[in-house]
Amino acid sequence: MIFVNFKLYGQSFGEGAIRLAEICKRVGEKYKISIYPVVQALDAVRIMKEVGIPVVLQNCDEWWEGARTGWTSAEAAKELGIWGSLINHSEHKTKPGSIKKMLKHWPEGFKSIVCIHSWGQAERWAKNIKPDLVAYEPTYLIGSKDKSVSTEKPDMIKKLAEHYQPIPLLAGAGVHNTEDVRVAKTLGAKGILVASDVVKADNPEKELAELAGGFSV
């Protein structure tokens, strides 16, 4: 599995989001691997309709319905056919108590992907959480062009993959080549979470294809 976080880069929303989603679809079909665009709420339904692939929201909030102006509802997202959502990305942190509350009442069939950034978090508040997936992203490596979670934190990938078994672990932060993917997979990760390495690449399709190739090595 590859999750491509579009973030809010100028090239990743509106028409740019459609182009990137089409790349995700082509590369996924070519390499026979599930590739999910992780998008802002404004682009999600359009991508599903025009590109025809599942999408993931970059964030959902703890309120499902009611007088809650400006919040993003997981229940509403599920009703629209959206695949799932990140929770607690380092750029959109959520309080531990809110995360536990959300997971307790999370809509059935709507996938939850909780991001954690350290072993300390896993020990303190995320020890017994049961989302559909866990994404490990050391904050200081996010966006790095020469270091990755695979080169700097291989022991932690293995430790967290074992800790959360059978919940699938995604490895992210600085992942930018086939070897990074191969190492993460060997250590127990079931997928990767990437962003700028693909979204901001001169040739996003070529870059994504290289990462996808890591799953067949």
C-alpha atoms as a PDB file:
ATOM      1  CA  MET A   1       0.000   0.000   0.000  1.00  0.00           C
ATOM      2  CA  ILE A   2       1.111   3.521  -0.787  1.00  0.00           C
ATOM      3  CA  PHE A   3      -0.630   6.574   0.632  1.00  0.00           C
ATOM      4  CA  VAL A   4       0.274   9.796  -1.200  1.00  0.00           C
ATOM      5  CA  ASN A   5      -0.426  12.835   0.963  1.00  0.00           C
ATOM      6  CA  PHE A   6      -1.245  15.702  -1.394  1.00  0.00           C
ATOM      7  CA  LYS A   7      -1.084  18.215   1.498  1.00  0.00           C
ATOM      8  CA  LEU A   8      -1.944  21.764   0.297  1.00  0.00           C
ATOM      9  CA  TYR A   9       0.818  22.348  -2.214  1.00  0.00           C
ATOM     10  CA  GLY A  10      -0.159  24.555  -5.134  1.00  0.00           C
ATOM     11  CA  GLN A  11       0.232  21.641  -7.539  1.00  0.00           C
ATOM     12  CA  SER A  12      -1.930  19.288  -5.465  1.00  0.00           C
ATOM     13  CA  PHE A  13      -5.428  20.762  -5.344  1.00  0.00           C
ATOM     14  CA  GLY A  14      -8.074  21.518  -7.945  1.00  0.00           C
ATOM     15  CA  GLU A  15      -6.907  20.371 -11.375  1.00  0.00           C
ATOM     16  CA  GLY A  16      -3.559  19.433  -9.865  1.00  0.00           C
ATOM     17  CA  ALA A  17      -5.308  16.996  -7.534  1.00  0.00           C
ATOM     18  CA  ILE A  18      -6.992  15.327 -10.499  1.00  0.00           C
ATOM     19  CA  ARG A  19      -3.679  14.968 -12.346  1.00  0.00           C
ATOM     20  CA  LEU A  20      -1.951  13.481  -9.326  1.00  0.00           C
ATOM     21  CA  ALA A  21      -4.838  11.107  -8.657  1.00  0.00           C
ATOM     22  CA  GLU A  22      -4.681   9.913 -12.254  1.00  0.00           C
ATOM     23  CA  ILE A  23      -0.976   9.207 -11.748  1.00  0.00           C
ATOM     24  CA  CYS A  24      -1.801   7.221  -8.596  1.00  0.00           C
ATOM     25  CA  LYS A  25      -4.317   5.192 -10.579  1.00  0.00           C
ATOM     26  CA  ARG A  26      -1.965   4.468 -13.486  1.00  0.00           C
ATOM     27  CA  VAL A  27       0.969   3.473 -11.310  1.00  0.00           C
ATOM     28  CA  GLY A  28      -1.226   1.373  -9.049  1.00  0.00           C
ATOM     29  CA  GLU A  29      -2.647  -0.535 -12.001  1.00  0.00           C
ATOM     30  CA  LYS A  30       0.776  -1.031 -13.568  1.00  0.00           C
ATOM     31  CA  TYR A  31       2.408  -2.380 -10.399  1.00  0.00           C
ATOM     32  CA  LYS A  32      -0.738  -4.058  -9.054  1.00  0.00           C
ATOM     33  CA  ILE A  33      -0.549  -2.189  -5.769  1.00  0.00           C
ATOM     34  CA  SER A  34      -3.134  -0.109  -3.903  1.00  0.00           C
ATOM     35  CA  ILE A  35      -2.245   3.582  -4.056  1.00  0.00           C
ATOM     36  CA  TYR A  36      -4.474   6.001  -2.167  1.00  0.00           C
ATOM     37  CA  PRO A  37      -4.488   9.783  -2.646  1.00  0.00           C
ATOM     38  CA  VAL A  38      -4.690  11.517   0.742  1.00  0.00           C
ATOM     39  CA  VAL A  39      -6.519  14.732  -0.052  1.00  0.00           C
ATOM     40  CA  GLN A  40      -8.201  17.790   1.367  1.00  0.00           C
ATOM     41  CA  ALA A  41     -11.966  17.441   1.788  1.00  0.00           C
ATOM     42  CA  LEU A  42     -12.742  19.877  -1.046  1.00  0.00           C
ATOM     43  CA  ASP A  43     -11.179  17.560  -3.661  1.00  0.00           C
ATOM     44  CA  ALA A  44     -12.228  14.160  -2.335  1.00  0.00           C
ATOM     45  CA  VAL A  45     -15.572  13.577  -4.032  1.00  0.00           C
ATOM     46  CA  ARG A  46     -14.438  15.055  -7.333  1.00  0.00           C
ATOM     47  CA  ILE A  47     -11.453  12.694  -7.459  1.00  0.00           C
ATOM     48  CA  MET A  48     -13.660   9.694  -6.757  1.00  0.00           C
ATOM     49  CA  LYS A  49     -16.073  10.671  -9.522  1.00  0.00           C
ATOM     50  CA  GLU A  50     -13.584  11.737 -12.185  1.00  0.00           C
ATOM     51  CA  VAL A  51     -10.711   9.342 -11.510  1.00  0.00           C
ATOM     52  CA  GLY A  52     -12.574   6.424 -10.009  1.00  0.00           C
ATOM     53  CA  ILE A  53     -10.263   5.437  -7.162  1.00  0.00           C
ATOM     54  CA  PRO A  54     -10.671   5.401  -3.358  1.00  0.00           C
ATOM     55  CA  VAL A  55      -9.480   8.490  -1.505  1.00  0.00           C
ATOM     56  CA  VAL A  56      -8.419   9.244   2.049  1.00  0.00           C
ATOM     57  CA  LEU A  57      -9.036  12.504   3.894  1.00  0.00           C
ATOM     58  CA  GLN A  58      -6.112  14.313   5.457  1.00  0.00           C
ATOM     59  CA  ASN A  59      -8.077  14.770   8.670  1.00  0.00           C
ATOM     60  CA  CYS A  60     -11.406  14.194  10.377  1.00  0.00           C
ATOM     61  CA  ASP A  61     -12.625  15.801  13.579  1.00  0.00           C
ATOM     62  CA  GLU A  62     -14.167  14.369  16.706  1.00  0.00           C
ATOM     63  CA  TRP A  63     -17.690  15.635  16.050  1.00  0.00           C
ATOM     64  CA  TRP A  64     -19.904  13.509  13.787  1.00  0.00           C
ATOM     65  CA  GLU A  65     -23.042  15.690  13.661  1.00  0.00           C
ATOM     66  CA  GLY A  66     -24.888  18.551  15.321  1.00  0.00           C
ATOM     67  CA  ALA A  67     -24.236  22.267  15.788  1.00  0.00           C
ATOM     68  CA  ARG A  68     -20.531  22.017  14.949  1.00  0.00           C
ATOM     69  CA  THR A  69     -19.654  24.644  12.367  1.00  0.00           C
ATOM     70  CA  GLY A  70     -16.432  24.113  10.439  1.00  0.00           C
ATOM     71  CA  TRP A  71     -15.679  20.537  11.496  1.00  0.00           C
ATOM     72  CA  THR A  72     -15.114  17.562   9.195  1.00  0.00           C
ATOM     73  CA  SER A  73     -17.347  14.610  10.054  1.00  0.00           C
ATOM     74  CA  ALA A  74     -16.158  11.034   9.620  1.00  0.00           C
ATOM     75  CA  GLU A  75     -19.778   9.924   9.409  1.00  0.00           C
ATOM     76  CA  ALA A  76     -20.477  12.358   6.566  1.00  0.00           C
ATOM     77  CA  ALA A  77     -17.298  11.265   4.792  1.00  0.00           C
ATOM     78  CA  LYS A  78     -18.354   7.637   5.025  1.00  0.00           C
ATOM     79  CA  GLU A  79     -21.778   8.469   3.603  1.00  0.00           C
ATOM     80  CA  LEU A  80     -20.052  10.076   0.602  1.00  0.00           C
ATOM     81  CA  GLY A  81     -18.091   6.883  -0.069  1.00  0.00           C
ATOM     82  CA  ILE A  82     -14.683   8.169   1.056  1.00  0.00           C
ATOM     83  CA  TRP A  83     -12.345   5.304   2.035  1.00  0.00           C
ATOM     84  CA  GLY A  84     -10.937   6.670   5.297  1.00  0.00           C
ATOM     85  CA  SER A  85      -9.003   9.416   7.031  1.00  0.00           C
ATOM     86  CA  LEU A  86      -5.718  10.237   8.682  1.00  0.00           C
ATOM     87  CA  ILE A  87      -5.886  11.197  12.336  1.00  0.00           C
ATOM     88  CA  ASN A  88      -3.168  13.125  14.196  1.00  0.00           C
ATOM     89  CA  HIS A  89      -0.772  13.925  11.371  1.00  0.00           C
ATOM     90  CA  SER A  90       2.098  16.015  12.741  1.00  0.00           C
ATOM     91  CA  GLU A  91       0.783  18.996  10.764  1.00  0.00           C
ATOM     92  CA  HIS A  92      -2.727  18.555  12.180  1.00  0.00           C
ATOM     93  CA  LYS A  93      -2.338  17.156  15.675  1.00  0.00           C
ATOM     94  CA  THR A  94      -5.243  15.805  17.688  1.00  0.00           C
ATOM     95  CA  LYS A  95      -5.381  15.463  21.472  1.00  0.00           C
ATOM     96  CA  PRO A  96      -4.955  11.874  22.713  1.00  0.00           C
ATOM     97  CA  GLY A  97      -8.312  11.976  24.489  1.00  0.00           C
ATOM     98  CA  SER A  98     -10.026  13.083  21.292  1.00  0.00           C
ATOM     99  CA  ILE A  99      -8.342  10.293  19.315  1.00  0.00           C
ATOM    100  CA  LYS A 100      -9.578   7.659  21.759  1.00  0.00           C
ATOM    101  CA  LYS A 101     -13.071   9.152  21.660  1.00  0.00           C
ATOM    102  CA  MET A 102     -13.060   9.168  17.862  1.00  0.00           C
ATOM    103  CA  LEU A 103     -11.924   5.552  17.581  1.00  0.00           C
ATOM    104  CA  LYS A 104     -14.537   4.423  20.105  1.00  0.00           C
ATOM    105  CA  HIS A 105     -17.328   5.777  17.909  1.00  0.00           C
ATOM    106  CA  TRP A 106     -15.649   5.526  14.496  1.00  0.00           C
ATOM    107  CA  PRO A 107     -18.067   4.681  11.651  1.00  0.00           C
ATOM    108  CA  GLU A 108     -17.950   1.018  10.680  1.00  0.00           C
ATOM    109  CA  GLY A 109     -16.315   0.493   7.294  1.00  0.00           C
ATOM    110  CA  PHE A 110     -14.599   3.895   7.294  1.00  0.00           C
ATOM    111  CA  LYS A 111     -10.860   3.334   7.693  1.00  0.00           C
ATOM    112  CA  SER A 112      -8.922   5.052  10.467  1.00  0.00           C
ATOM    113  CA  ILE A 113      -5.195   5.751  10.078  1.00  0.00           C
ATOM    114  CA  VAL A 114      -3.630   7.091  13.264  1.00  0.00           C
ATOM    115  CA  CYS A 115      -0.272   8.816  12.906  1.00  0.00           C
ATOM    116  CA  ILE A 116       2.295   8.501  15.675  1.00  0.00           C
ATOM    117  CA  HIS A 117       5.688  10.163  15.762  1.00  0.00           C
ATOM    118  CA  SER A 118       7.666   8.352  18.463  1.00  0.00           C
ATOM    119  CA  TRP A 119       7.883   5.296  20.673  1.00  0.00           C
ATOM    120  CA  GLY A 120       7.020   7.571  23.581  1.00  0.00           C
ATOM    121  CA  GLN A 121       3.611   8.223  22.063  1.00  0.00           C
ATOM    122  CA  ALA A 122       3.081   4.511  21.505  1.00  0.00           C
ATOM    123  CA  GLU A 123       3.852   3.858  25.186  1.00  0.00           C
ATOM    124  CA  ARG A 124       1.963   6.800  26.711  1.00  0.00           C
ATOM    125  CA  TRP A 125      -1.395   7.066  24.994  1.00  0.00           C
ATOM    126  CA  ALA A 126      -1.331   4.922  21.861  1.00  0.00           C
ATOM    127  CA  LYS A 127      -0.379   1.603  23.437  1.00  0.00           C
ATOM    128  CA  ASN A 128      -3.790  -0.028  23.164  1.00  0.00           C
ATOM    129  CA  ILE A 129      -5.479   1.921  20.393  1.00  0.00           C
ATOM    130  CA  LYS A 130      -7.041  -0.142  17.628  1.00  0.00           C
ATOM    131  CA  PRO A 131      -7.315   1.882  14.417  1.00  0.00           C
ATOM    132  CA  ASP A 132      -7.399   0.164  11.037  1.00  0.00           C
ATOM    133  CA  LEU A 133      -3.814   1.266  10.331  1.00  0.00           C
ATOM    134  CA  VAL A 134      -0.999   2.998  12.197  1.00  0.00           C
ATOM    135  CA  ALA A 135       1.388   5.369  10.399  1.00  0.00           C
ATOM    136  CA  TYR A 136       4.815   5.984  11.913  1.00  0.00           C
ATOM    137  CA  GLU A 137       6.376   9.295  10.847  1.00  0.00           C
ATOM    138  CA  PRO A 138       9.243  10.800  12.876  1.00  0.00           C
ATOM    139  CA  THR A 139       8.499  14.508  12.634  1.00  0.00           C
ATOM    140  CA  TYR A 140      12.081  15.643  12.049  1.00  0.00           C
ATOM    141  CA  LEU A 141      12.384  13.471   8.932  1.00  0.00           C
ATOM    142  CA  ILE A 142       9.239  14.683   7.181  1.00  0.00           C
ATOM    143  CA  GLY A 143      10.246  16.321   3.899  1.00  0.00           C
ATOM    144  CA  SER A 144      13.891  15.261   4.183  1.00  0.00           C
ATOM    145  CA  LYS A 145      15.633  14.754   0.846  1.00  0.00           C
ATOM    146  CA  ASP A 146      18.645  12.773   2.069  1.00  0.00           C
ATOM    147  CA  LYS A 147      17.435  10.856   5.123  1.00  0.00           C
ATOM    148  CA  SER A 148      14.417   8.653   5.682  1.00  0.00           C
ATOM    149  CA  VAL A 149      12.632   6.662   8.344  1.00  0.00           C
ATOM    150  CA  SER A 150      14.213   3.559   6.788  1.00  0.00           C
ATOM    151  CA  THR A 151      17.786   4.835   7.079  1.00  0.00           C
ATOM    152  CA  GLU A 152      17.454   6.589  10.437  1.00  0.00           C
ATOM    153  CA  LYS A 153      14.846   4.575  12.364  1.00  0.00           C
ATOM    154  CA  PRO A 154      14.889   0.977  11.090  1.00  0.00           C
ATOM    155  CA  ASP A 155      14.768  -0.490  14.617  1.00  0.00           C
ATOM    156  CA  MET A 156      11.690   1.583  15.399  1.00  0.00           C
ATOM    157  CA  ILE A 157       9.857   0.393  12.287  1.00  0.00           C
ATOM    158  CA  LYS A 158      10.436  -3.196  13.384  1.00  0.00           C
ATOM    159  CA  LYS A 159       9.508  -2.469  16.988  1.00  0.00           C
ATOM    160  CA  LEU A 160       6.259  -0.721  16.103  1.00  0.00           C
ATOM    161  CA  ALA A 161       5.276  -3.294  13.484  1.00  0.00           C
ATOM    162  CA  GLU A 162       5.571  -5.977  16.162  1.00  0.00           C
ATOM    163  CA  HIS A 163       3.915  -3.820  18.816  1.00  0.00           C
ATOM    164  CA  TYR A 164       0.781  -3.144  16.752  1.00  0.00           C
ATOM    165  CA  GLN A 165       0.489  -6.576  15.124  1.00  0.00           C
ATOM    166  CA  PRO A 166      -1.957  -7.457  13.514  1.00  0.00           C
ATOM    167  CA  ILE A 167      -2.752  -3.786  12.757  1.00  0.00           C
ATOM    168  CA  PRO A 168      -0.834  -2.868   9.567  1.00  0.00           C
ATOM    169  CA  LEU A 169       1.969  -0.337   9.990  1.00  0.00           C
ATOM    170  CA  LEU A 170       2.770   2.353   7.430  1.00  0.00           C
ATOM    171  CA  ALA A 171       6.255   3.880   7.418  1.00  0.00           C
ATOM    172  CA  GLY A 172       6.665   7.495   6.415  1.00  0.00           C
ATOM    173  CA  ALA A 173       8.939  10.550   6.542  1.00  0.00           C
ATOM    174  CA  GLY A 174      11.673  11.027   3.980  1.00  0.00           C
ATOM    175  CA  VAL A 175      10.871   7.866   2.009  1.00  0.00           C
ATOM    176  CA  HIS A 176      12.207   8.618  -1.455  1.00  0.00           C
ATOM    177  CA  ASN A 177      13.580   5.532  -3.222  1.00  0.00           C
ATOM    178  CA  THR A 178      13.136   1.829  -3.843  1.00  0.00           C
ATOM    179  CA  GLU A 179      15.602   0.865  -1.111  1.00  0.00           C
ATOM    180  CA  ASP A 180      13.693   2.870   1.515  1.00  0.00           C
ATOM    181  CA  VAL A 181      10.550   0.944   0.600  1.00  0.00           C
ATOM    182  CA  ARG A 182      12.321  -2.412   0.541  1.00  0.00           C
ATOM    183  CA  VAL A 183      13.847  -1.841   3.986  1.00  0.00           C
ATOM    184  CA  ALA A 184      10.538  -0.723   5.508  1.00  0.00           C
ATOM    185  CA  LYS A 185       8.777  -3.746   4.047  1.00  0.00           C
ATOM    186  CA  THR A 186      11.476  -6.143   5.273  1.00  0.00           C
ATOM    187  CA  LEU A 187      11.148  -4.721   8.787  1.00  0.00           C
ATOM    188  CA  GLY A 188       7.413  -5.366   8.901  1.00  0.00           C
ATOM    189  CA  ALA A 189       5.748  -2.293   7.411  1.00  0.00           C
ATOM    190  CA  LYS A 190       2.800  -3.103   5.155  1.00  0.00           C
ATOM    191  CA  GLY A 191       2.928   0.186   3.283  1.00  0.00           C
ATOM    192  CA  ILE A 192       4.343   3.685   3.110  1.00  0.00           C
ATOM    193  CA  LEU A 193       3.073   7.243   3.530  1.00  0.00           C
ATOM    194  CA  VAL A 194       4.723   9.796   1.232  1.00  0.00           C
ATOM    195  CA  ALA A 195       4.119  13.403   0.264  1.00  0.00           C
ATOM    196  CA  SER A 196       6.564  15.940  -1.164  1.00  0.00           C
ATOM    197  CA  ASP A 197       8.837  13.320  -2.713  1.00  0.00           C
ATOM    198  CA  VAL A 198       6.033  12.553  -5.172  1.00  0.00           C
ATOM    199  CA  VAL A 199       3.862  15.668  -5.162  1.00  0.00           C
ATOM    200  CA  LYS A 200       6.728  18.123  -5.687  1.00  0.00           C
ATOM    201  CA  ALA A 201       8.821  15.925  -7.994  1.00  0.00           C
ATOM    202  CA  ASP A 202       9.689  17.128 -11.498  1.00  0.00           C
ATOM    203  CA  ASN A 203       8.177  13.861 -12.710  1.00  0.00           C
ATOM    204  CA  PRO A 204       5.693  12.601 -10.081  1.00  0.00           C
ATOM    205  CA  GLU A 205       4.761   9.517 -12.099  1.00  0.00           C
ATOM    206  CA  LYS A 206       8.365   8.383 -12.421  1.00  0.00           C
ATOM    207  CA  GLU A 207       8.985   8.969  -8.724  1.00  0.00           C
ATOM    208  CA  LEU A 208       5.857   7.114  -7.640  1.00  0.00           C
ATOM    209  CA  ALA A 209       6.707   4.214  -9.972  1.00  0.00           C
ATOM    210  CA  GLU A 210      10.130   3.910  -8.319  1.00  0.00           C
ATOM    211  CA  LEU A 211       8.517   3.662  -4.896  1.00  0.00           C
ATOM    212  CA  ALA A 212       5.944   1.155  -6.127  1.00  0.00           C
ATOM    213  CA  GLY A 213       8.766  -0.955  -7.516  1.00  0.00           C
ATOM    214  CA  GLY A 214      10.107  -1.360  -3.994  1.00  0.00           C
ATOM    215  CA  PHE A 215       7.223  -3.664  -3.136  1.00  0.00           C
ATOM    216  CA  SER A 216       8.276  -6.180  -5.747  1.00  0.00           C
ATOM    217  CA  VAL A 217      11.974  -6.268  -4.817  1.00  0.00           C
END
